[in-house]
Protein backbone atom coordinates (compact mmCIF):
# COMPACT_ATOMS: atom_id res chain seq x y z
CA MET A 1 101.07 89.25 -16.39
CA LEU A 2 98.76 86.29 -15.50
CA LYS A 3 102.11 84.21 -14.67
CA LEU A 4 103.28 86.80 -12.37
CA CYS A 5 100.09 87.03 -10.50
CA ARG A 6 100.07 83.17 -9.94
CA LEU A 7 103.74 83.43 -8.75
CA ALA A 8 102.70 86.01 -6.36
CA VAL A 9 99.93 83.74 -4.90
CA VAL A 10 102.29 80.57 -4.71
CA ILE A 11 105.31 82.20 -2.98
CA PRO A 12 103.35 83.28 0.10
CA LEU A 13 101.98 79.68 0.29
CA LEU A 14 105.38 78.22 0.14
CA SER A 15 106.49 80.50 2.81
CA SER A 16 103.68 79.44 5.02
CA ALA A 17 104.48 75.70 4.32
CA ALA A 18 108.11 76.15 5.44
CA ALA A 19 107.04 78.13 8.51
CA CYS A 20 104.80 75.06 9.41
CA GLY A 21 107.53 72.39 9.02
CA GLY A 22 108.25 72.26 5.35
CA SER A 23 106.85 68.94 4.54
CA GLY A 24 103.82 69.65 2.25
CA THR A 25 101.45 72.39 2.57
CA GLY A 26 99.72 72.96 5.83
CA ALA A 27 96.44 74.38 4.07
CA GLY A 28 96.41 71.24 1.68
CA ALA A 29 96.86 68.85 4.56
CA ALA A 30 94.11 70.48 6.72
CA LEU A 31 91.87 70.42 3.55
CA LEU A 32 92.46 66.79 3.08
CA ALA A 33 91.73 66.10 6.71
CA GLY A 34 88.47 67.56 6.63
CA SER A 35 87.16 66.38 3.26
CA LYS A 36 86.07 63.06 1.70
CA THR A 37 87.89 61.64 -1.07
CA VAL A 38 87.37 59.05 -3.88
CA THR A 39 89.46 57.29 -6.19
CA VAL A 40 88.16 58.04 -9.79
CA ARG A 41 87.70 54.53 -11.74
CA PRO A 42 86.25 54.09 -15.20
CA ARG A 43 82.76 52.93 -15.10
CA ASP A 44 79.57 53.26 -17.11
CA PHE A 45 77.63 56.51 -16.46
CA VAL A 46 73.79 56.07 -16.82
CA ARG A 47 71.37 59.01 -16.94
CA ARG A 48 68.09 57.92 -15.53
CA VAL A 49 64.55 59.39 -14.68
CA ARG A 50 63.00 57.78 -11.70
CA LEU A 51 59.25 57.08 -11.57
CA THR A 52 57.23 55.66 -8.76
CA GLY A 53 53.89 53.64 -8.74
CA LEU A 54 52.15 50.50 -7.46
CA THR A 55 52.52 46.97 -8.96
CA GLU A 56 49.68 45.03 -10.30
CA ALA A 57 49.03 41.73 -12.09
CA THR A 58 47.98 41.74 -15.81
CA ARG A 59 46.49 38.39 -15.04
CA SER A 60 44.24 38.32 -11.94
CA TYR A 61 40.75 37.10 -10.57
CA VAL A 62 38.91 38.85 -7.84
CA VAL A 63 36.66 36.54 -5.93
CA THR A 64 33.63 38.39 -4.72
CA ALA A 65 30.51 37.16 -2.66
CA PRO A 66 28.14 36.02 -5.36
CA LEU A 67 25.20 38.33 -6.38
CA LEU A 68 22.26 35.95 -6.07
CA THR A 69 19.65 36.07 -8.88
CA GLY A 70 15.99 35.73 -8.48
CA GLY A 71 15.64 38.53 -6.01
CA THR A 72 17.39 36.54 -3.21
CA ARG A 73 18.82 38.77 -0.55
CA GLY A 74 20.89 38.40 2.78
CA SER A 75 24.45 37.81 3.83
CA LEU A 76 26.54 34.83 2.93
CA VAL A 77 28.81 33.05 5.52
CA ILE A 78 32.24 31.66 4.45
CA THR A 79 32.52 27.99 5.42
CA LYS A 80 35.90 27.34 3.54
CA LEU A 81 38.65 29.84 2.51
CA ALA A 82 41.92 29.22 0.77
CA PRO A 83 44.79 30.54 2.94
CA ALA A 84 46.58 33.75 2.17
CA GLY A 85 49.70 33.29 0.18
CA ALA A 86 48.79 29.86 -0.90
CA ALA A 87 49.70 28.73 -4.57
CA VAL A 88 46.62 27.51 -6.36
CA LYS A 89 46.24 25.69 -9.67
CA ALA A 90 43.21 26.23 -12.00
CA GLY A 91 40.30 24.50 -10.76
CA ASP A 92 41.28 24.45 -6.96
CA LEU A 93 38.76 25.51 -4.33
CA LEU A 94 39.06 29.24 -3.33
CA VAL A 95 35.89 30.03 -1.41
CA GLN A 96 32.90 27.97 0.00
CA PHE A 97 29.91 29.79 1.10
CA ASP A 98 27.18 28.22 3.20
CA SER A 99 24.64 26.94 0.54
CA GLN A 100 22.03 25.22 2.58
CA GLN A 101 19.46 27.92 1.89
CA GLN A 102 20.10 27.97 -1.92
CA ASP A 103 20.26 24.06 -1.90
CA LYS A 104 16.77 24.10 -0.33
CA VAL A 105 15.42 26.52 -2.75
CA ALA A 106 16.90 24.88 -5.68
CA ILE A 107 15.28 21.50 -4.67
CA ASP A 108 11.87 23.21 -4.17
CA LYS A 109 12.07 24.97 -7.37
CA ARG A 110 13.07 21.79 -9.25
CA ALA A 111 10.08 19.94 -7.65
CA GLU A 112 7.64 22.75 -8.77
CA TYR A 113 8.93 22.61 -12.18
CA GLU A 114 8.86 18.73 -12.49
CA ASP A 115 5.30 18.90 -11.07
CA LEU A 116 4.28 21.32 -13.83
CA VAL A 117 5.86 19.24 -16.45
CA GLN A 118 3.86 16.35 -15.26
CA GLN A 119 0.55 18.50 -15.12
CA ILE A 120 1.17 19.34 -18.82
CA ARG A 121 1.74 15.82 -19.84
CA GLN A 122 -1.38 14.90 -18.21
CA LYS A 123 -3.28 17.75 -19.68
CA ARG A 124 -2.17 16.90 -23.11
CA ALA A 125 -3.34 13.31 -22.59
CA GLU A 126 -6.83 14.47 -21.43
CA LEU A 127 -7.06 16.79 -24.35
CA GLU A 128 -5.97 14.08 -26.80
CA ALA A 129 -8.71 11.71 -25.29
CA ALA A 130 -11.31 14.47 -25.51
CA ARG A 131 -10.36 15.50 -29.03
CA ILE A 132 -10.62 11.69 -30.22
CA LYS A 133 -14.04 11.53 -28.54
CA ASP A 134 -15.37 14.82 -30.17
CA GLU A 135 -13.94 13.97 -33.40
CA SER A 136 -15.66 10.58 -33.23
CA GLU A 137 -19.12 12.32 -32.62
CA VAL A 138 -18.55 14.64 -35.45
CA ALA A 139 -17.70 11.80 -37.78
CA GLN A 140 -20.75 10.15 -36.75
CA ALA A 141 -22.89 13.14 -37.09
CA ARG A 142 -21.26 13.71 -40.74
CA ASN A 143 -22.09 10.12 -41.56
CA ALA A 144 -25.71 10.74 -40.40
CA VAL A 145 -25.85 13.64 -42.63
CA LYS A 146 -24.69 11.56 -45.62
CA ASN A 147 -27.34 8.99 -44.72
CA TYR A 148 -30.14 11.31 -44.62
CA GLU A 149 -28.98 13.00 -47.91
CA LEU A 150 -29.28 9.57 -49.49
CA GLU A 151 -32.73 9.10 -48.11
CA THR A 152 -33.87 12.39 -49.55
CA LEU A 153 -33.01 11.23 -53.00
CA LYS A 154 -35.77 8.66 -52.52
CA ASN A 155 -38.50 11.60 -51.79
CA GLU A 156 -39.86 11.45 -55.37
CA MET A 157 -40.91 7.80 -54.91
CA LEU A 158 -42.24 8.35 -51.37
CA SER A 159 -45.36 9.75 -50.10
CA ARG A 160 -45.62 13.29 -49.28
CA VAL A 161 -45.43 12.73 -45.47
CA LYS A 162 -42.47 10.45 -45.68
CA ALA A 163 -40.54 12.84 -47.85
CA GLU A 164 -41.22 15.67 -45.52
CA LYS A 165 -39.82 13.40 -42.69
CA ASN A 166 -36.65 12.73 -44.54
CA ASP A 167 -36.05 16.48 -45.09
CA GLN A 168 -36.65 17.24 -41.56
CA ASP A 169 -34.21 14.40 -40.33
CA LEU A 170 -31.62 15.80 -42.88
CA ALA A 171 -32.01 19.34 -41.48
CA GLU A 172 -31.68 18.12 -37.74
CA ALA A 173 -28.65 15.98 -38.77
CA ARG A 174 -27.17 19.17 -40.34
CA SER A 175 -27.85 21.26 -37.46
CA LYS A 176 -26.25 18.72 -35.05
CA LEU A 177 -23.07 18.60 -37.23
CA GLY A 178 -22.72 22.36 -37.09
CA SER A 179 -23.25 22.47 -33.37
CA LEU A 180 -20.83 19.72 -32.68
CA GLN A 181 -18.19 21.35 -35.08
CA GLU A 182 -18.61 24.72 -33.40
CA ALA A 183 -18.39 23.23 -30.07
CA LEU A 184 -15.23 21.26 -31.03
CA ASP A 185 -13.63 24.67 -32.15
CA LEU A 186 -14.39 26.27 -28.99
CA LYS A 187 -13.40 23.28 -26.83
CA ARG A 188 -9.95 23.38 -28.90
CA THR A 189 -9.49 27.14 -28.11
CA ALA A 190 -10.15 26.82 -24.44
CA SER A 191 -8.01 23.82 -24.26
CA ASP A 192 -5.03 25.45 -25.95
CA ALA A 193 -5.48 28.36 -23.66
CA ASP A 194 -5.50 26.13 -20.46
CA LEU A 195 -2.39 24.41 -21.91
CA ARG A 196 -0.55 27.54 -22.59
CA ILE A 197 -1.23 28.80 -18.98
CA LEU A 198 0.49 25.75 -17.71
CA GLU A 199 3.35 25.91 -20.15
CA ILE A 200 3.81 29.63 -18.83
CA LYS A 201 3.78 28.47 -15.23
CA ARG A 202 6.31 25.70 -16.36
CA ASP A 203 8.58 28.25 -17.96
CA ARG A 204 8.49 30.54 -14.90
CA ALA A 205 9.19 27.69 -12.63
CA LYS A 206 11.97 26.64 -14.91
CA ALA A 207 13.67 30.12 -14.74
CA ASP A 208 13.16 30.13 -10.99
CA MET A 209 14.87 26.62 -10.87
CA GLU A 210 17.79 27.72 -13.00
CA HIS A 211 18.20 30.80 -10.95
CA ALA A 212 18.17 28.63 -7.75
CA LEU A 213 20.71 26.14 -9.06
CA GLN A 214 22.83 28.80 -10.34
CA ASN A 215 22.81 30.39 -6.91
CA ALA A 216 23.64 27.09 -5.23
CA ARG A 217 26.57 26.64 -7.74
CA GLY A 218 27.87 30.18 -7.04
CA MET A 219 28.41 29.20 -3.49
CA THR A 220 31.47 27.35 -4.31
CA VAL A 221 34.20 29.28 -6.37
CA HIS A 222 37.12 27.71 -7.97
CA SER A 223 40.24 29.29 -9.30
CA PRO A 224 40.11 29.98 -13.12
CA LEU A 225 43.95 30.37 -13.36
CA ASP A 226 47.20 29.23 -11.60
CA GLY A 227 48.50 31.91 -9.23
CA LEU A 228 48.91 33.21 -5.70
CA VAL A 229 46.06 33.94 -3.25
CA VAL A 230 46.07 37.53 -2.05
CA PRO A 231 43.64 38.25 0.69
CA LYS A 232 41.32 41.26 0.93
CA LEU A 233 40.36 43.24 4.05
CA THR A 234 36.93 43.57 5.74
CA TRP A 235 35.90 46.27 8.22
CA ARG A 236 35.12 45.04 11.88
CA GLY A 237 34.38 47.17 15.02
CA ASN A 238 37.95 47.94 15.59
CA GLY A 239 39.10 48.80 11.90
CA PRO A 240 40.18 46.64 9.13
CA ALA A 241 40.90 42.90 9.44
CA ASP A 242 41.65 39.87 7.36
CA ILE A 243 38.65 38.02 6.08
CA GLN A 244 38.46 34.64 7.70
CA GLU A 245 36.16 31.41 7.70
CA GLY A 246 32.90 32.31 9.45
CA ASP A 247 32.68 35.86 8.42
CA GLU A 248 29.39 37.24 6.87
CA MET A 249 29.86 38.86 3.46
CA TRP A 250 27.28 40.75 1.52
CA PRO A 251 26.82 40.01 -2.10
CA GLY A 252 29.31 41.73 -4.29
CA ALA A 253 31.81 42.24 -1.39
CA PRO A 254 35.55 41.23 -2.43
CA VAL A 255 36.88 38.23 -0.64
CA LEU A 256 40.36 37.48 -2.06
CA GLN A 257 42.36 37.80 -5.44
CA VAL A 258 44.24 35.38 -7.31
CA VAL A 259 46.99 36.92 -9.16
CA ASN A 260 49.45 35.14 -11.76
CA GLN A 261 52.95 36.34 -10.64
CA ALA A 262 54.37 35.47 -14.02
CA SER A 263 52.82 38.42 -15.46
CA MET A 264 53.08 41.72 -13.51
CA GLN A 265 53.42 45.30 -14.20
CA VAL A 266 53.75 48.63 -12.64
CA ARG A 267 51.45 51.55 -13.03
CA VAL A 268 53.36 54.85 -12.56
CA ARG A 269 52.72 58.56 -13.09
CA VAL A 270 55.18 60.53 -15.27
CA ASN A 271 55.63 64.35 -14.66
CA GLN A 272 54.99 66.66 -17.66
CA ALA A 273 58.56 67.85 -17.54
CA ASP A 274 59.76 64.07 -17.94
CA VAL A 275 57.44 63.08 -20.68
CA PRO A 276 59.62 64.18 -23.66
CA LEU A 277 62.32 61.67 -22.24
CA ILE A 278 59.91 58.78 -22.06
CA GLN A 279 59.20 56.49 -24.95
CA THR A 280 57.41 53.09 -25.02
CA GLY A 281 59.98 50.32 -25.48
CA GLN A 282 62.61 51.79 -23.10
CA THR A 283 64.33 49.34 -20.83
CA VAL A 284 64.00 49.98 -17.08
CA VAL A 285 65.06 48.78 -13.65
CA VAL A 286 62.28 48.02 -11.08
CA ARG A 287 62.98 48.04 -7.51
CA LEU A 288 60.39 47.44 -4.76
CA ASP A 289 60.37 49.40 -1.34
CA ALA A 290 59.34 46.43 0.50
CA TYR A 291 62.52 44.38 -0.90
CA PRO A 292 65.39 46.77 -1.55
CA ASP A 293 67.74 43.83 -2.55
CA LEU A 294 65.24 42.85 -5.34
CA VAL A 295 66.09 44.27 -8.67
CA LEU A 296 63.84 43.40 -11.76
CA PRO A 297 64.14 44.28 -15.64
CA GLY A 298 61.22 45.72 -17.41
CA ARG A 299 60.16 48.15 -20.09
CA ILE A 300 57.87 50.82 -20.76
CA ALA A 301 54.83 49.31 -22.57
CA GLN A 302 52.18 52.27 -22.48
CA LEU A 303 52.19 55.92 -22.10
CA ALA A 304 49.08 57.68 -21.94
CA PRO A 305 48.46 60.57 -24.48
CA ILE A 306 46.27 62.63 -22.12
CA ALA A 307 47.53 64.23 -18.88
CA LEU A 308 45.97 64.27 -15.52
CA ASN A 309 45.92 66.51 -12.57
CA GLY A 310 48.72 65.81 -10.18
CA SER A 311 48.36 64.71 -6.61
CA PHE A 312 49.34 67.74 -4.87
CA SER A 313 48.31 70.68 -7.38
CA ASN A 314 46.09 70.99 -10.36
CA ARG A 315 48.78 72.96 -12.07
CA ILE A 316 51.12 69.93 -12.13
CA ARG A 317 50.04 67.62 -14.85
CA VAL A 318 51.14 63.92 -15.03
CA PHE A 319 50.77 61.06 -17.47
CA ASN A 320 49.92 57.52 -16.54
CA ALA A 321 52.27 54.88 -17.91
CA VAL A 322 52.47 51.17 -17.68
CA VAL A 323 55.80 49.23 -17.13
CA THR A 324 55.79 45.52 -17.72
CA ILE A 325 58.23 43.42 -15.59
CA ASP A 326 60.28 40.69 -17.17
CA GLY A 327 60.31 37.51 -15.39
CA ALA A 328 58.59 36.45 -12.09
CA ASN A 329 59.60 36.34 -8.39
CA PRO A 330 57.70 34.93 -5.31
CA ARG A 331 58.11 38.26 -3.61
CA LEU A 332 56.43 40.23 -6.45
CA LEU A 333 53.00 40.90 -5.25
CA PRO A 334 50.36 43.43 -6.37
CA ASP A 335 49.93 46.89 -4.50
CA LEU A 336 53.44 47.18 -3.70
CA THR A 337 55.21 50.51 -4.19
CA ALA A 338 57.90 50.39 -6.76
CA ALA A 339 60.66 52.76 -8.08
CA VAL A 340 61.08 52.47 -11.76
CA ASP A 341 64.60 53.83 -13.19
CA VAL A 342 64.28 54.69 -16.90
CA GLU A 343 67.56 54.62 -18.63
CA LEU A 344 67.93 57.62 -21.06
CA ASP A 345 71.50 57.33 -22.14
CA ARG A 346 74.80 55.52 -21.22
CA THR A 347 78.46 56.80 -21.52
CA ARG A 348 80.72 53.75 -21.17
CA ASN A 349 84.12 53.60 -19.34
CA ALA A 350 83.57 57.36 -18.23
CA LEU A 351 85.42 58.95 -15.34
CA VAL A 352 82.51 60.19 -12.98
CA VAL A 353 82.71 62.52 -9.85
CA ARG A 354 80.21 63.90 -7.58
CA ARG A 355 78.61 67.14 -8.56
CA THR A 356 79.64 68.48 -5.18
CA ALA A 357 83.36 67.87 -6.13
CA VAL A 358 83.04 70.48 -8.99
CA GLU A 359 83.88 74.17 -8.59
CA LYS A 360 82.79 76.66 -11.24
CA ASP A 361 83.64 80.32 -11.57
CA GLY A 362 84.34 82.99 -14.21
CA GLU A 363 87.68 81.24 -14.96
CA GLY A 364 86.44 77.64 -15.61
CA THR A 365 85.51 74.54 -13.98
CA ARG A 366 87.80 72.66 -11.56
CA VAL A 367 88.12 69.78 -9.23
CA ARG A 368 90.54 69.44 -6.27
CA VAL A 369 92.86 66.43 -6.68
CA ARG A 370 95.19 64.84 -4.07
CA GLU A 371 98.68 65.00 -5.23
CA ALA A 372 102.23 64.31 -3.73
CA ASN A 373 102.62 67.80 -2.45
CA GLY A 374 98.96 68.24 -1.07
CA VAL A 375 95.96 69.23 -2.98
CA ALA A 376 95.79 70.83 -6.49
CA ALA A 377 92.90 72.56 -8.23
CA ARG A 378 92.74 70.83 -11.78
CA THR A 379 90.73 72.31 -14.69
CA VAL A 380 88.39 69.72 -16.08
CA THR A 381 85.96 69.60 -19.10
CA LEU A 382 82.43 67.99 -18.07
CA GLY A 383 80.01 65.97 -20.13
CA PRO A 384 76.70 64.34 -19.32
CA SER A 385 75.39 64.75 -15.63
CA ASP A 386 72.31 63.99 -13.36
CA GLU A 387 71.21 65.18 -10.13
CA VAL A 388 74.21 63.51 -8.42
CA ASP A 389 77.09 62.66 -10.65
CA VAL A 390 78.92 64.34 -13.74
CA VAL A 391 81.10 62.95 -16.29
CA VAL A 392 84.58 64.41 -16.60
CA THR A 393 85.68 64.22 -20.21
CA SER A 394 89.24 65.73 -19.73
CA GLY A 395 91.37 66.85 -16.94
CA LEU A 396 91.47 63.68 -14.81
CA ARG A 397 93.08 60.37 -15.05
CA ALA A 398 92.01 56.99 -13.83
CA GLY A 399 93.27 56.60 -10.31
CA ASP A 400 93.09 60.28 -9.46
CA VAL A 401 91.87 60.99 -5.90
CA VAL A 402 89.25 63.67 -5.92
CA LEU A 403 87.90 65.60 -3.03
CA GLN A 404 84.26 65.41 -2.85
């Protein structure tokens, strides 16, 4: 019965073709004239997930205007600045700030510190001389006590008046020795206190001097690594502008960044629907929007375990992921928008057509193929697919011309 129905459909078509001239079907010719065609060739079909994000350097150094220690405030003027895009080596000069004020403060603090060091030396010398003198007086008083003690041993052989005189002299000598000893202890306590005060002043002056020297050294910034100079922006009256020599910067403001292009990555966001398809270690292809011809290989290095709110709706959750880029390229800079294609699976030597070329209905799946007599609908079996293409596992041959 089905064959009879098909014959019934074919006979009117043949009649129409004969009426139009007899050389091919007119409907097929019209269909070919108004459609795009493609010759099917075997190729690898790769199913991918596309992610987007920004490039960043894994090894970088941000130069900021130095935060001055010791309570120093005020803006800093740039006197020298490495040009944007310059390649620098470790140790090369990046930024030089005007250091006249910091140098002057450092010199003053050093002079103050050295003066206190000299005062302490002089004070110690004076205290040592006074100690020697006092100890000499104490030693004399102690010897006098011993002499009078020896004299008192003769009291039994002396007159009463002479004996009393010896006892009185001994008492006076002992009293003088005690007074000298007590005075010596008090002098030592006072001297130690005076010396300690000077030492505290010296330590404070030393800290101020070191702060001043650190501030002076901080006016010159050298690169800690090899890399490329990436400028930062500042705000002027008419909007953002590049930082230049002569600009005033407040402490902590970013001036430039040195990035090592040999180690770059892309930080992307993965939609919650695609997370089951993404795994660490998967190979990817990275393309930069700024340089469409630049294609870089990479891999998924990290995938966050906790979701975040999406950019457009709190109901859409996303996961942060880090993609490392293999190799280096001079055009690979931070903060460039990038597209990352993650390869999910690959079918080798497959016959691939556009999804728009596939027709589906209750009877099956077909594609229209150009043949010698016009266009024929050919039943096919489909395999893996993505948003654009689909693999045809049976029903087509290499070299077939398919209507898109």
